[in-house]
Amino acid sequence: MSGTVDFRPSEDQRDLARGMRELLAGRFGREALRAAADGPARLDRALWKELGEAGLFALRLPEAAGGVGLGLPEAVLLFEEAGRALLPGPLVATHLAAGRVPGAAEGTAVVTEVSPEGLLPWADDADVVLGPAAGAVPVRSVDPLTPLHRVPGGPAGLRWEAVLLTAAEQVGSAAWCTDAAVAYAGQREQFGQVIGGFQAVKHLCAGMLVRTELARAAVHGAAVTAEPVEIAGAKLLADEAAVANARDCLQVHGGMGFTWEADVHLHLKRAWVRAALLLPGARAAERVADAL
């Protein structure tokens, strides 16, 4: 039909996302995730450099400047994979600093940034801190893989690309939780049958899938239009999907889900932190409401 826009990823875009998933599966699989969560929060500099070599940070730089020459639609696909893997570190800030901060594009420099909410992640591991960080004090983070400092002062300016890429990470986490819940429901038995056969569990898993796909569609659409109000709406949906899906995944896992050994609690904690760092729910809803 003439005049329509196809928002579905192309085969090349799917291959790009698949390549990132395979890289992270081999380099930051479950064992690496658990080792990072159980130890002191320190960035893996070798992995950061590999991400740079894979083009994550230079993805949107022009080829003439040594970049990959792609755009926001491709970036959200890769950040979705990073969110699925629960990859730690100031990924968004380093990506946005590529071409402006030496070493950011190549992954040889770690760049972090003070969020509009006055939070500064990974301050101790960063080579460059963007934004006024004077007086920053460490605060206890619910996520063991996201150390935080708080910076005094009111909300700073907002970069919509950062909001969108953070929303993409939330979508990846929501998708992981959906897959984990479905897989567990197909294995765990109760009363002589797998729990996935129970109507209540089916409804939980179906709701998780709906939230994930709705948020993914909003993020992909906002990546094409780059309109602030659509990015705000996408962030609102993505935050809801990541947090609610992690909670429902915990519910499907039962008592097992509340143990340290289950990975789902890490996704819930990261979802809370991402939701608080950039355009929290109330501010995102206000932005959308103002546009209506």
Protein backbone atom coordinates (compact mmCIF):
# COMPACT_ATOMS: atom_id res chain seq x y z
CA MET A 1 0.00 0.00 0.00
CA SER A 2 1.42 3.38 -0.95
CA GLY A 3 2.04 5.94 1.76
CA THR A 4 2.66 3.40 4.56
CA VAL A 5 5.78 3.10 6.68
CA ASP A 6 7.14 -0.30 7.67
CA PHE A 7 8.45 -0.10 11.25
CA ARG A 8 9.59 -3.73 11.32
CA PRO A 9 13.37 -4.29 11.49
CA SER A 10 14.97 -5.19 8.16
CA GLU A 11 16.97 -8.37 7.71
CA ASP A 12 20.20 -6.38 8.05
CA GLN A 13 18.96 -4.86 11.30
CA ARG A 14 17.97 -8.28 12.63
CA ASP A 15 21.43 -9.60 11.73
CA LEU A 16 22.99 -6.67 13.60
CA ALA A 17 20.97 -7.43 16.73
CA ARG A 18 21.68 -11.14 16.41
CA GLY A 19 25.41 -10.43 16.23
CA MET A 20 25.27 -8.36 19.42
CA ARG A 21 23.29 -11.08 21.21
CA GLU A 22 25.86 -13.68 20.23
CA LEU A 23 28.73 -11.45 21.33
CA LEU A 24 27.17 -10.86 24.73
CA ALA A 25 26.21 -14.51 25.17
CA GLY A 26 29.82 -15.50 24.65
CA ARG A 27 31.40 -12.64 26.56
CA PHE A 28 28.87 -11.77 29.26
CA GLY A 29 26.80 -14.87 29.82
CA ARG A 30 25.18 -15.98 33.06
CA GLU A 31 28.43 -16.99 34.77
CA ALA A 32 29.97 -13.58 34.07
CA LEU A 33 26.80 -11.83 35.22
CA ARG A 34 26.73 -13.74 38.48
CA ALA A 35 30.43 -13.18 39.10
CA ALA A 36 29.93 -9.45 38.56
CA ALA A 37 26.87 -9.35 40.84
CA ASP A 38 28.57 -11.30 43.62
CA GLY A 39 31.78 -9.24 43.65
CA PRO A 40 32.63 -5.56 43.94
CA ALA A 41 31.06 -3.44 41.19
CA ARG A 42 33.94 -2.90 38.76
CA LEU A 43 33.75 -2.43 35.01
CA ASP A 44 35.35 -5.04 32.76
CA ARG A 45 37.62 -2.79 30.70
CA ALA A 46 38.47 -5.58 28.26
CA LEU A 47 34.77 -6.15 27.55
CA TRP A 48 34.23 -2.39 27.19
CA LYS A 49 36.94 -2.30 24.53
CA GLU A 50 35.37 -5.28 22.74
CA LEU A 51 32.06 -3.43 22.67
CA GLY A 52 33.87 -0.50 21.11
CA GLU A 53 35.46 -2.76 18.50
CA ALA A 54 32.03 -4.25 17.75
CA GLY A 55 30.75 -0.74 16.97
CA LEU A 56 28.32 -0.25 19.85
CA PHE A 57 29.64 3.19 20.77
CA ALA A 58 30.56 4.41 17.26
CA LEU A 59 27.37 3.04 15.69
CA ARG A 60 25.93 6.45 14.77
CA LEU A 61 29.15 8.22 13.91
CA PRO A 62 29.63 8.85 10.15
CA GLU A 63 31.91 6.40 8.40
CA ALA A 64 34.18 9.30 7.46
CA ALA A 65 34.76 9.86 11.18
CA GLY A 66 35.56 6.22 11.81
CA GLY A 67 32.03 5.22 12.78
CA VAL A 68 29.53 2.70 11.47
CA GLY A 69 27.21 5.29 9.92
CA LEU A 70 23.90 3.89 11.18
CA GLY A 71 21.06 5.58 13.05
CA LEU A 72 18.78 5.49 16.08
CA PRO A 73 16.69 2.52 14.83
CA GLU A 74 19.81 0.37 14.77
CA ALA A 75 21.01 1.76 18.10
CA VAL A 76 17.83 0.80 19.94
CA LEU A 77 18.16 -2.77 18.66
CA LEU A 78 21.65 -3.08 20.11
CA PHE A 79 20.71 -1.43 23.40
CA GLU A 80 17.77 -3.79 23.68
CA GLU A 81 20.25 -6.66 23.52
CA ALA A 82 22.40 -4.96 26.17
CA GLY A 83 19.34 -4.70 28.40
CA ARG A 84 18.48 -8.36 27.85
CA ALA A 85 22.00 -9.36 28.92
CA LEU A 86 21.89 -6.94 31.89
CA LEU A 87 25.21 -5.51 30.71
CA PRO A 88 26.57 -3.12 33.36
CA GLY A 89 28.19 0.25 32.87
CA PRO A 90 27.32 3.72 31.51
CA LEU A 91 26.60 2.41 28.02
CA VAL A 92 24.26 5.21 26.96
CA ALA A 93 26.55 8.03 28.10
CA THR A 94 29.58 6.51 26.37
CA HIS A 95 27.60 5.94 23.17
CA LEU A 96 26.41 9.55 23.13
CA ALA A 97 29.95 10.79 23.85
CA ALA A 98 31.42 9.03 20.79
CA GLY A 99 33.02 11.60 18.53
CA ARG A 100 33.11 14.19 21.32
CA VAL A 101 35.22 12.49 23.98
CA PRO A 102 38.49 10.87 22.86
CA GLY A 103 38.39 7.10 23.26
CA ALA A 104 34.62 6.84 23.74
CA ALA A 105 33.93 5.52 20.25
CA GLU A 106 36.67 2.91 20.52
CA GLY A 107 35.69 1.76 24.00
CA THR A 108 39.03 2.79 25.47
CA ALA A 109 37.38 5.49 27.58
CA VAL A 110 34.42 5.09 29.92
CA VAL A 111 32.14 8.12 29.98
CA THR A 112 29.38 8.70 32.50
CA GLU A 113 26.98 11.61 32.94
CA VAL A 114 24.97 13.24 35.69
CA SER A 115 21.33 12.36 35.04
CA PRO A 116 18.59 15.03 35.04
CA GLU A 117 17.47 13.57 38.36
CA GLY A 118 20.87 14.31 39.95
CA LEU A 119 22.16 10.73 39.93
CA LEU A 120 25.62 9.79 38.71
CA PRO A 121 26.26 6.11 37.87
CA TRP A 122 29.71 4.52 37.77
CA ALA A 123 31.49 7.66 38.93
CA ASP A 124 34.50 5.81 40.34
CA ASP A 125 35.16 3.80 37.16
CA ALA A 126 34.63 6.55 34.60
CA ASP A 127 37.45 8.32 32.80
CA VAL A 128 35.22 11.30 32.00
CA VAL A 129 32.21 12.67 33.88
CA LEU A 130 29.87 14.93 31.92
CA GLY A 131 27.86 17.47 33.86
CA PRO A 132 28.41 19.26 37.17
CA ALA A 133 29.58 16.56 39.58
CA ALA A 134 30.95 18.76 42.38
CA GLY A 135 29.80 17.59 45.77
CA ALA A 136 28.72 14.15 44.56
CA VAL A 137 28.24 11.71 47.42
CA PRO A 138 27.86 7.93 47.17
CA VAL A 139 24.39 6.52 47.78
CA ARG A 140 23.27 2.97 48.28
CA SER A 141 22.01 1.52 45.00
CA VAL A 142 19.40 -1.26 44.93
CA ASP A 143 21.24 -2.68 41.92
CA PRO A 144 24.60 -4.27 42.80
CA LEU A 145 25.72 -3.66 39.21
CA THR A 146 24.98 0.08 39.16
CA PRO A 147 26.95 2.04 41.77
CA LEU A 148 25.47 5.52 42.24
CA HIS A 149 26.41 8.95 43.51
CA ARG A 150 23.97 11.78 44.14
CA VAL A 151 24.80 15.27 42.91
CA PRO A 152 23.23 18.29 44.68
CA GLY A 153 21.10 20.68 42.70
CA GLY A 154 17.88 20.61 40.72
CA PRO A 155 17.06 18.60 37.59
CA ALA A 156 19.46 19.19 34.69
CA GLY A 157 18.72 19.24 30.98
CA LEU A 158 17.33 16.18 29.27
CA ARG A 159 18.73 14.46 26.18
CA TRP A 160 16.00 12.61 24.38
CA GLU A 161 18.35 10.16 22.71
CA ALA A 162 19.51 9.06 26.16
CA VAL A 163 15.90 8.53 27.23
CA LEU A 164 15.17 6.43 24.15
CA LEU A 165 18.25 4.22 24.49
CA THR A 166 17.48 3.66 28.17
CA ALA A 167 13.94 2.68 27.19
CA ALA A 168 15.41 0.19 24.72
CA GLU A 169 17.42 -1.38 27.55
CA GLN A 170 14.20 -1.67 29.56
CA VAL A 171 12.52 -3.47 26.66
CA GLY A 172 15.38 -5.97 26.51
CA SER A 173 15.02 -6.66 30.22
CA ALA A 174 11.24 -7.05 29.88
CA ALA A 175 11.77 -9.54 27.06
CA TRP A 176 14.28 -11.55 29.09
CA CYS A 177 11.81 -11.77 31.99
CA THR A 178 9.07 -12.98 29.64
CA ASP A 179 11.30 -15.68 28.16
CA ALA A 180 12.52 -16.76 31.60
CA ALA A 181 8.98 -17.03 32.97
CA VAL A 182 7.75 -19.06 29.99
CA ALA A 183 10.76 -21.39 30.17
CA TYR A 184 10.32 -21.99 33.90
CA ALA A 185 6.56 -22.50 33.54
CA GLY A 186 7.26 -25.20 30.96
CA GLN A 187 9.56 -27.10 33.32
CA ARG A 188 8.28 -26.68 36.88
CA GLU A 189 5.72 -29.30 37.88
CA GLN A 190 3.01 -29.09 40.51
CA PHE A 191 0.14 -31.48 41.17
CA GLY A 192 1.41 -33.76 38.43
CA GLN A 193 1.59 -31.21 35.61
CA VAL A 194 3.76 -28.30 34.49
CA ILE A 195 2.63 -25.01 35.98
CA GLY A 196 2.41 -23.52 32.49
CA GLY A 197 -0.82 -25.47 32.11
CA PHE A 198 -2.53 -23.49 34.88
CA GLN A 199 -4.77 -20.67 33.71
CA ALA A 200 -3.36 -18.15 36.20
CA VAL A 201 0.20 -18.73 35.01
CA LYS A 202 -0.88 -18.53 31.37
CA HIS A 203 -2.45 -15.14 32.05
CA LEU A 204 0.69 -13.85 33.75
CA CYS A 205 2.89 -14.90 30.82
CA ALA A 206 0.45 -13.51 28.25
CA GLY A 207 0.37 -10.17 30.04
CA MET A 208 4.16 -10.05 30.08
CA LEU A 209 4.31 -10.67 26.34
CA VAL A 210 1.75 -7.96 25.63
CA ARG A 211 3.63 -5.40 27.74
CA THR A 212 6.93 -6.27 26.06
CA GLU A 213 5.63 -6.04 22.51
CA LEU A 214 3.71 -2.82 23.18
CA ALA A 215 6.80 -1.18 24.66
CA ARG A 216 9.02 -2.51 21.87
CA ALA A 217 6.69 -1.11 19.20
CA ALA A 218 6.68 2.28 20.94
CA VAL A 219 10.49 2.34 21.22
CA HIS A 220 11.01 1.30 17.60
CA GLY A 221 8.48 3.87 16.41
CA ALA A 222 10.09 6.65 18.46
CA ALA A 223 13.49 5.69 17.03
CA VAL A 224 12.15 6.43 13.55
CA THR A 225 10.36 9.70 14.37
CA ALA A 226 12.72 10.94 17.16
CA GLU A 227 9.83 13.05 18.47
CA PRO A 228 10.22 13.93 22.18
CA VAL A 229 6.61 13.16 23.06
CA GLU A 230 6.83 9.74 21.43
CA ILE A 231 10.10 9.05 23.24
CA ALA A 232 8.44 10.04 26.52
CA GLY A 233 5.56 7.67 25.81
CA ALA A 234 7.98 4.90 24.89
CA LYS A 235 9.95 5.38 28.12
CA LEU A 236 6.74 5.26 30.14
CA LEU A 237 5.70 1.98 28.53
CA ALA A 238 9.19 0.49 28.68
CA ASP A 239 9.62 1.29 32.39
CA GLU A 240 6.25 -0.28 33.14
CA ALA A 241 7.08 -3.37 31.09
CA ALA A 242 10.49 -3.89 32.70
CA VAL A 243 9.29 -3.47 36.28
CA ALA A 244 5.97 -5.30 35.95
CA ASN A 245 7.47 -8.17 33.96
CA ALA A 246 10.22 -8.68 36.52
CA ARG A 247 7.60 -8.81 39.28
CA ASP A 248 5.45 -11.27 37.33
CA CYS A 249 8.51 -13.36 36.53
CA LEU A 250 9.19 -13.53 40.27
CA GLN A 251 5.59 -14.64 40.77
CA VAL A 252 5.88 -17.43 38.18
CA HIS A 253 9.08 -18.67 39.82
CA GLY A 254 7.37 -18.75 43.23
CA GLY A 255 9.68 -18.96 46.24
CA MET A 256 12.63 -19.69 43.93
CA GLY A 257 12.28 -16.23 42.39
CA PHE A 258 13.00 -14.49 45.69
CA THR A 259 16.35 -16.19 46.24
CA TRP A 260 19.71 -14.62 45.41
CA GLU A 261 20.41 -17.51 43.02
CA ALA A 262 17.61 -16.45 40.64
CA ASP A 263 18.65 -13.80 38.12
CA VAL A 264 15.25 -12.16 37.92
CA HIS A 265 15.85 -10.04 41.04
CA LEU A 266 18.78 -8.42 39.21
CA HIS A 267 16.48 -7.44 36.35
CA LEU A 268 13.95 -5.95 38.76
CA LYS A 269 16.61 -3.90 40.54
CA ARG A 270 18.13 -2.64 37.28
CA ALA A 271 14.66 -1.73 35.99
CA TRP A 272 14.06 0.37 39.11
CA VAL A 273 17.37 2.19 38.64
CA ARG A 274 16.84 2.87 34.92
CA ALA A 275 13.35 4.17 35.64
CA ALA A 276 14.74 6.60 38.22
CA LEU A 277 17.77 7.81 36.25
CA LEU A 278 16.02 9.36 33.25
CA LEU A 279 12.51 10.77 32.92
CA PRO A 280 10.73 8.90 35.73
CA GLY A 281 7.11 7.89 35.23
CA ALA A 282 5.46 11.03 36.58
CA ARG A 283 7.57 13.34 34.39
CA ALA A 284 7.09 11.14 31.31
CA ALA A 285 3.33 11.11 31.86
CA GLU A 286 3.30 14.90 32.23
CA ARG A 287 5.17 15.28 28.94
CA VAL A 288 2.68 13.04 27.14
CA ALA A 289 -0.29 14.77 28.78
CA ASP A 290 0.99 18.20 27.78
CA ALA A 291 1.03 17.10 24.15
CA LEU A 292 -2.56 15.84 24.17
